[in-house]
């Protein structure tokens, strides 16, 4: 079998650029919907939903919108 040989003169790779979120998630302003839901409140509840679902990735938007809806129903 052939062995792979690392070149000693090769420059190290540059650090990866931070990725932008696929969807910008925002909470509607308190003036627009008459409630006072903060971004942190939604984030904490969405994370709880993520944990309760078994930390399965790929459903972040669903968790976020579910959290917003739950908090809005409590606030009104």
C-alpha atoms as a PDB file:
ATOM      1  CA  UNK A   1       0.000   0.000   0.000  1.00  0.00           C
ATOM      2  CA  UNK A   2       1.165   3.501  -0.688  1.00  0.00           C
ATOM      3  CA  UNK A   3       1.773   5.768   2.274  1.00  0.00           C
ATOM      4  CA  UNK A   4       0.601   9.334   2.191  1.00  0.00           C
ATOM      5  CA  UNK A   5       3.376  11.809   2.691  1.00  0.00           C
ATOM      6  CA  UNK A   6       2.754  15.222   4.188  1.00  0.00           C
ATOM      7  CA  UNK A   7       4.720  18.001   2.564  1.00  0.00           C
ATOM      8  CA  UNK A   8       6.789  19.880   5.091  1.00  0.00           C
ATOM      9  CA  UNK A   9       6.580  23.144   3.162  1.00  0.00           C
ATOM     10  CA  UNK A  10       2.787  23.256   2.983  1.00  0.00           C
ATOM     11  CA  UNK A  11       1.178  26.292   4.608  1.00  0.00           C
ATOM     12  CA  UNK A  12      -1.480  25.634   7.270  1.00  0.00           C
ATOM     13  CA  UNK A  13      -5.089  26.175   6.266  1.00  0.00           C
ATOM     14  CA  UNK A  14      -6.723  29.453   7.207  1.00  0.00           C
ATOM     15  CA  UNK A  15      -9.442  29.405   9.835  1.00  0.00           C
ATOM     16  CA  UNK A  16     -12.958  28.912   8.483  1.00  0.00           C
ATOM     17  CA  UNK A  17     -15.129  31.995   8.191  1.00  0.00           C
ATOM     18  CA  UNK A  18     -18.133  32.077  10.531  1.00  0.00           C
ATOM     19  CA  UNK A  19     -21.297  30.965   8.797  1.00  0.00           C
ATOM     20  CA  UNK A  20     -24.319  33.220   8.550  1.00  0.00           C
ATOM     21  CA  UNK A  21     -27.637  31.767   9.707  1.00  0.00           C
ATOM     22  CA  UNK A  22     -29.815  30.420   6.928  1.00  0.00           C
ATOM     23  CA  UNK A  23     -32.834  32.296   8.191  1.00  0.00           C
ATOM     24  CA  UNK A  24     -32.759  35.476  10.202  1.00  0.00           C
ATOM     25  CA  UNK A  25     -34.834  34.779  13.270  1.00  0.00           C
ATOM     26  CA  UNK A  26     -36.337  37.828  14.895  1.00  0.00           C
ATOM     27  CA  UNK A  27     -39.043  38.481  17.398  1.00  0.00           C
ATOM     28  CA  UNK A  28     -41.690  40.954  16.335  1.00  0.00           C
ATOM     29  CA  UNK A  29     -41.312  44.177  18.255  1.00  0.00           C
ATOM     30  CA  UNK A  30     -43.429  44.718  21.336  1.00  0.00           C
ATOM     31  CA  UNK A  31     -45.110  47.741  19.729  1.00  0.00           C
ATOM     32  CA  UNK A  32     -46.250  45.709  16.720  1.00  0.00           C
ATOM     33  CA  UNK A  33     -47.957  42.872  18.567  1.00  0.00           C
ATOM     34  CA  UNK A  34     -48.668  44.370  21.994  1.00  0.00           C
ATOM     35  CA  UNK A  35     -46.470  41.922  23.944  1.00  0.00           C
ATOM     36  CA  UNK A  36     -43.037  42.119  25.504  1.00  0.00           C
ATOM     37  CA  UNK A  37     -41.311  38.934  24.351  1.00  0.00           C
ATOM     38  CA  UNK A  38     -37.525  39.164  24.363  1.00  0.00           C
ATOM     39  CA  UNK A  39     -35.128  37.364  22.058  1.00  0.00           C
ATOM     40  CA  UNK A  40     -33.568  35.626  25.073  1.00  0.00           C
ATOM     41  CA  UNK A  41     -36.922  34.272  26.244  1.00  0.00           C
ATOM     42  CA  UNK A  42     -37.610  32.765  22.838  1.00  0.00           C
ATOM     43  CA  UNK A  43     -34.085  31.356  22.586  1.00  0.00           C
ATOM     44  CA  UNK A  44     -34.296  29.666  25.996  1.00  0.00           C
ATOM     45  CA  UNK A  45     -37.681  28.109  25.265  1.00  0.00           C
ATOM     46  CA  UNK A  46     -36.595  26.988  21.783  1.00  0.00           C
ATOM     47  CA  UNK A  47     -33.540  25.346  23.331  1.00  0.00           C
ATOM     48  CA  UNK A  48     -35.786  23.569  25.829  1.00  0.00           C
ATOM     49  CA  UNK A  49     -37.897  22.229  22.961  1.00  0.00           C
ATOM     50  CA  UNK A  50     -34.682  21.073  21.235  1.00  0.00           C
ATOM     51  CA  UNK A  51     -33.597  19.261  24.406  1.00  0.00           C
ATOM     52  CA  UNK A  52     -37.012  17.679  24.964  1.00  0.00           C
ATOM     53  CA  UNK A  53     -36.952  16.383  21.374  1.00  0.00           C
ATOM     54  CA  UNK A  54     -33.735  14.499  22.122  1.00  0.00           C
ATOM     55  CA  UNK A  55     -31.283  17.100  20.744  1.00  0.00           C
ATOM     56  CA  UNK A  56     -32.031  16.083  17.167  1.00  0.00           C
ATOM     57  CA  UNK A  57     -30.687  18.760  14.820  1.00  0.00           C
ATOM     58  CA  UNK A  58     -32.485  20.124  11.776  1.00  0.00           C
ATOM     59  CA  UNK A  59     -35.644  21.478  13.395  1.00  0.00           C
ATOM     60  CA  UNK A  60     -34.372  24.801  14.750  1.00  0.00           C
ATOM     61  CA  UNK A  61     -36.888  26.917  12.848  1.00  0.00           C
ATOM     62  CA  UNK A  62     -39.775  24.782  14.062  1.00  0.00           C
ATOM     63  CA  UNK A  63     -38.526  25.070  17.666  1.00  0.00           C
ATOM     64  CA  UNK A  64     -38.065  28.833  17.320  1.00  0.00           C
ATOM     65  CA  UNK A  65     -41.540  29.505  15.904  1.00  0.00           C
ATOM     66  CA  UNK A  66     -43.139  27.131  18.410  1.00  0.00           C
ATOM     67  CA  UNK A  67     -41.417  29.043  21.230  1.00  0.00           C
ATOM     68  CA  UNK A  68     -42.568  32.406  19.839  1.00  0.00           C
ATOM     69  CA  UNK A  69     -46.130  31.156  19.548  1.00  0.00           C
ATOM     70  CA  UNK A  70     -46.112  29.709  23.078  1.00  0.00           C
ATOM     71  CA  UNK A  71     -44.759  32.912  24.591  1.00  0.00           C
ATOM     72  CA  UNK A  72     -47.205  35.088  22.673  1.00  0.00           C
ATOM     73  CA  UNK A  73     -50.151  33.018  23.865  1.00  0.00           C
ATOM     74  CA  UNK A  74     -48.988  33.404  27.486  1.00  0.00           C
ATOM     75  CA  UNK A  75     -48.333  37.145  27.074  1.00  0.00           C
ATOM     76  CA  UNK A  76     -51.802  37.936  25.710  1.00  0.00           C
END
